[in-house]
Amino acid sequence: MYPINFRNDNVMNEPVTLRLVEIKDGKYKIEYPNLSVPIEINEHLFYKFLSSNEFMIEGDTHKFPILRSYTNSIENQNMSA
């Protein structure tokens, strides 16, 4: 069995884009590129992904308001820098 490469080797220094597809019972289902089944992570790990420079999490901001509030806080930080 070969190891799975989660990094985007085609573009250096760009974050890997993940997609939030479901939140249920404190678990977050995230789609990785090149994986057919979403992975399930806990809230602690989800927030680590959100704050990481190596990953970018996308999703429906109406369905997942947490993404909207996180995006707004990042934009505010960038404007004040």
N, C-alpha and C. Protein backbone atom coordinates (compact mmCIF):
# COMPACT_ATOMS: atom_id res chain seq x y z
N MET A 1 0.84 -1.18 0.00
CA MET A 1 0.00 0.00 0.00
C MET A 1 0.89 1.24 0.00
N TYR A 2 0.51 2.22 -0.80
CA TYR A 2 1.28 3.44 -0.93
C TYR A 2 0.72 4.52 -0.01
N PRO A 3 1.59 5.37 0.52
CA PRO A 3 1.09 6.46 1.38
C PRO A 3 0.28 7.46 0.55
N ILE A 4 -0.68 8.07 1.20
CA ILE A 4 -1.51 9.08 0.54
C ILE A 4 -0.85 10.43 0.70
N ASN A 5 -0.71 11.13 -0.40
CA ASN A 5 -0.11 12.46 -0.38
C ASN A 5 -1.23 13.50 -0.34
N PHE A 6 -1.35 14.22 0.76
CA PHE A 6 -2.40 15.22 0.92
C PHE A 6 -1.95 16.61 0.46
N ARG A 7 -0.68 16.76 0.16
CA ARG A 7 -0.18 18.07 -0.23
C ARG A 7 -0.40 18.31 -1.71
N ASN A 8 -0.49 19.55 -2.06
CA ASN A 8 -0.67 19.95 -3.45
C ASN A 8 0.71 20.20 -4.04
N ASP A 9 1.31 19.15 -4.64
CA ASP A 9 2.67 19.26 -5.15
C ASP A 9 2.77 20.08 -6.42
N ASN A 10 1.65 20.32 -7.10
CA ASN A 10 1.68 21.07 -8.35
C ASN A 10 1.95 22.55 -8.14
N VAL A 11 1.58 23.06 -6.98
CA VAL A 11 1.74 24.49 -6.71
C VAL A 11 2.42 24.63 -5.36
N MET A 12 3.65 25.16 -5.37
CA MET A 12 4.37 25.31 -4.11
C MET A 12 3.80 26.44 -3.28
N ASN A 13 3.79 26.25 -2.00
CA ASN A 13 3.40 27.26 -1.03
C ASN A 13 1.94 27.68 -1.11
N GLU A 14 1.10 26.97 -1.82
CA GLU A 14 -0.32 27.26 -1.80
C GLU A 14 -1.01 26.27 -0.88
N PRO A 15 -2.00 26.73 -0.14
CA PRO A 15 -2.68 25.81 0.78
C PRO A 15 -3.49 24.76 0.02
N VAL A 16 -3.64 23.61 0.65
CA VAL A 16 -4.49 22.55 0.12
C VAL A 16 -5.93 22.95 0.41
N THR A 17 -6.77 22.93 -0.61
CA THR A 17 -8.17 23.33 -0.45
C THR A 17 -9.00 22.13 -0.03
N LEU A 18 -9.66 22.27 1.11
CA LEU A 18 -10.55 21.25 1.65
C LEU A 18 -11.97 21.80 1.58
N ARG A 19 -12.95 20.91 1.60
CA ARG A 19 -14.35 21.36 1.55
C ARG A 19 -15.13 20.75 2.70
N LEU A 20 -15.76 21.62 3.51
CA LEU A 20 -16.62 21.17 4.59
C LEU A 20 -17.96 20.76 4.01
N VAL A 21 -18.36 19.50 4.25
CA VAL A 21 -19.60 19.00 3.65
C VAL A 21 -20.68 18.70 4.68
N GLU A 22 -20.30 18.50 5.95
CA GLU A 22 -21.32 18.19 6.95
C GLU A 22 -20.76 18.40 8.35
N ILE A 23 -21.63 18.87 9.24
CA ILE A 23 -21.34 18.93 10.67
C ILE A 23 -22.46 18.18 11.36
N LYS A 24 -22.10 17.15 12.14
CA LYS A 24 -23.11 16.36 12.81
C LYS A 24 -22.53 15.79 14.10
N ASP A 25 -23.23 16.03 15.20
CA ASP A 25 -22.83 15.50 16.51
C ASP A 25 -21.39 15.86 16.88
N GLY A 26 -20.99 17.09 16.58
CA GLY A 26 -19.65 17.54 16.93
C GLY A 26 -18.55 17.02 16.03
N LYS A 27 -18.92 16.36 14.95
CA LYS A 27 -17.95 15.85 13.98
C LYS A 27 -18.07 16.63 12.68
N TYR A 28 -16.95 16.88 12.06
CA TYR A 28 -16.88 17.66 10.84
C TYR A 28 -16.42 16.75 9.71
N LYS A 29 -17.22 16.67 8.65
CA LYS A 29 -16.83 15.88 7.48
C LYS A 29 -16.23 16.81 6.45
N ILE A 30 -15.00 16.47 6.04
CA ILE A 30 -14.25 17.31 5.13
C ILE A 30 -13.80 16.48 3.93
N GLU A 31 -13.99 17.05 2.74
CA GLU A 31 -13.52 16.40 1.52
C GLU A 31 -12.10 16.87 1.22
N TYR A 32 -11.23 15.90 1.02
CA TYR A 32 -9.86 16.16 0.58
C TYR A 32 -9.79 16.01 -0.92
N PRO A 33 -8.88 16.72 -1.58
CA PRO A 33 -8.68 16.49 -3.01
C PRO A 33 -8.21 15.04 -3.22
N ASN A 34 -8.66 14.43 -4.28
CA ASN A 34 -8.26 13.08 -4.68
C ASN A 34 -8.73 11.97 -3.75
N LEU A 35 -9.63 12.25 -2.82
CA LEU A 35 -10.24 11.21 -1.99
C LEU A 35 -11.73 11.16 -2.30
N SER A 36 -12.26 9.98 -2.48
CA SER A 36 -13.67 9.86 -2.87
C SER A 36 -14.62 9.93 -1.67
N VAL A 37 -14.11 9.70 -0.47
CA VAL A 37 -14.96 9.70 0.72
C VAL A 37 -14.45 10.78 1.68
N PRO A 38 -15.35 11.61 2.21
CA PRO A 38 -14.90 12.64 3.16
C PRO A 38 -14.34 12.01 4.44
N ILE A 39 -13.40 12.70 5.06
CA ILE A 39 -12.89 12.24 6.35
C ILE A 39 -13.68 12.94 7.44
N GLU A 40 -13.74 12.33 8.61
CA GLU A 40 -14.47 12.89 9.75
C GLU A 40 -13.46 13.26 10.82
N ILE A 41 -13.52 14.52 11.26
CA ILE A 41 -12.60 15.00 12.29
C ILE A 41 -13.39 15.63 13.44
N ASN A 42 -12.73 15.76 14.58
CA ASN A 42 -13.39 16.39 15.73
C ASN A 42 -13.23 17.91 15.67
N GLU A 43 -13.90 18.59 16.56
CA GLU A 43 -13.92 20.06 16.56
C GLU A 43 -12.53 20.65 16.77
N HIS A 44 -11.75 20.06 17.66
CA HIS A 44 -10.40 20.56 17.94
C HIS A 44 -9.54 20.54 16.67
N LEU A 45 -9.56 19.43 15.96
CA LEU A 45 -8.78 19.32 14.74
C LEU A 45 -9.32 20.24 13.64
N PHE A 46 -10.63 20.40 13.59
CA PHE A 46 -11.24 21.31 12.61
C PHE A 46 -10.70 22.72 12.80
N TYR A 47 -10.63 23.20 14.04
CA TYR A 47 -10.13 24.55 14.29
C TYR A 47 -8.64 24.65 13.99
N LYS A 48 -7.90 23.57 14.16
CA LYS A 48 -6.49 23.57 13.77
C LYS A 48 -6.36 23.74 12.25
N PHE A 49 -7.21 23.04 11.50
CA PHE A 49 -7.21 23.19 10.05
C PHE A 49 -7.56 24.63 9.68
N LEU A 50 -8.57 25.20 10.33
CA LEU A 50 -8.99 26.58 10.02
C LEU A 50 -7.87 27.58 10.24
N SER A 51 -7.10 27.39 11.28
CA SER A 51 -6.06 28.38 11.60
C SER A 51 -4.73 28.09 10.91
N SER A 52 -4.63 26.98 10.20
CA SER A 52 -3.39 26.60 9.53
C SER A 52 -3.20 27.36 8.22
N ASN A 53 -1.97 27.67 7.90
CA ASN A 53 -1.63 28.28 6.62
C ASN A 53 -1.51 27.24 5.51
N GLU A 54 -1.47 25.96 5.89
CA GLU A 54 -1.29 24.89 4.92
C GLU A 54 -2.61 24.41 4.32
N PHE A 55 -3.74 24.79 4.93
CA PHE A 55 -5.04 24.33 4.46
C PHE A 55 -6.00 25.51 4.33
N MET A 56 -6.91 25.40 3.38
CA MET A 56 -7.99 26.37 3.23
C MET A 56 -9.29 25.57 3.18
N ILE A 57 -10.21 25.89 4.06
CA ILE A 57 -11.48 25.17 4.11
C ILE A 57 -12.57 26.00 3.46
N GLU A 58 -13.21 25.41 2.46
CA GLU A 58 -14.33 26.06 1.77
C GLU A 58 -15.61 25.35 2.14
N GLY A 59 -16.72 26.00 1.85
CA GLY A 59 -18.02 25.39 2.10
C GLY A 59 -19.12 26.43 1.97
N ASP A 60 -20.33 25.98 2.08
CA ASP A 60 -21.51 26.84 1.99
C ASP A 60 -21.62 27.66 3.27
N THR A 61 -21.40 28.98 3.16
CA THR A 61 -21.42 29.82 4.36
C THR A 61 -22.83 30.00 4.93
N HIS A 62 -23.86 29.72 4.14
CA HIS A 62 -25.22 29.77 4.68
C HIS A 62 -25.51 28.52 5.49
N LYS A 63 -25.02 27.41 5.04
CA LYS A 63 -25.21 26.15 5.74
C LYS A 63 -24.27 26.02 6.93
N PHE A 64 -23.06 26.58 6.80
CA PHE A 64 -22.04 26.50 7.85
C PHE A 64 -21.58 27.91 8.21
N PRO A 65 -22.34 28.62 9.05
CA PRO A 65 -21.98 30.00 9.42
C PRO A 65 -20.59 30.13 10.04
N ILE A 66 -20.09 29.05 10.61
CA ILE A 66 -18.75 29.10 11.20
C ILE A 66 -17.71 29.50 10.16
N LEU A 67 -17.89 29.10 8.92
CA LEU A 67 -16.95 29.48 7.87
C LEU A 67 -17.04 30.96 7.56
N ARG A 68 -18.25 31.50 7.60
CA ARG A 68 -18.44 32.94 7.34
C ARG A 68 -17.76 33.76 8.42
N SER A 69 -17.97 33.41 9.68
CA SER A 69 -17.38 34.19 10.76
C SER A 69 -15.87 34.06 10.76
N TYR A 70 -15.35 32.89 10.41
CA TYR A 70 -13.90 32.72 10.35
C TYR A 70 -13.32 33.54 9.19
N THR A 71 -13.97 33.50 8.03
CA THR A 71 -13.51 34.26 6.86
C THR A 71 -13.49 35.75 7.17
N ASN A 72 -14.54 36.24 7.84
CA ASN A 72 -14.59 37.67 8.20
C ASN A 72 -13.45 38.04 9.14
N SER A 73 -13.12 37.18 10.10
CA SER A 73 -12.06 37.51 11.05
C SER A 73 -10.70 37.53 10.35
N ILE A 74 -10.47 36.65 9.36
CA ILE A 74 -9.22 36.64 8.60
C ILE A 74 -9.11 37.92 7.75
N GLU A 75 -10.22 38.29 7.10
CA GLU A 75 -10.21 39.50 6.28
C GLU A 75 -9.91 40.73 7.13
N ASN A 76 -10.47 40.80 8.34
CA ASN A 76 -10.21 41.93 9.23
C ASN A 76 -8.74 41.98 9.65
N GLN A 77 -8.15 40.81 9.89
CA GLN A 77 -6.73 40.76 10.26
C GLN A 77 -5.86 41.26 9.10
N ASN A 78 -6.21 40.86 7.88
CA ASN A 78 -5.43 41.26 6.72
C ASN A 78 -5.54 42.76 6.46
N MET A 79 -6.70 43.34 6.73
CA MET A 79 -6.90 44.77 6.51
C MET A 79 -6.11 45.60 7.52
N SER A 80 -5.95 45.10 8.73
CA SER A 80 -5.24 45.87 9.75
C SER A 80 -3.73 45.69 9.67
N ALA A 81 -3.27 44.76 8.87
CA ALA A 81 -1.81 44.51 8.77
C ALA A 81 -1.13 45.51 7.87
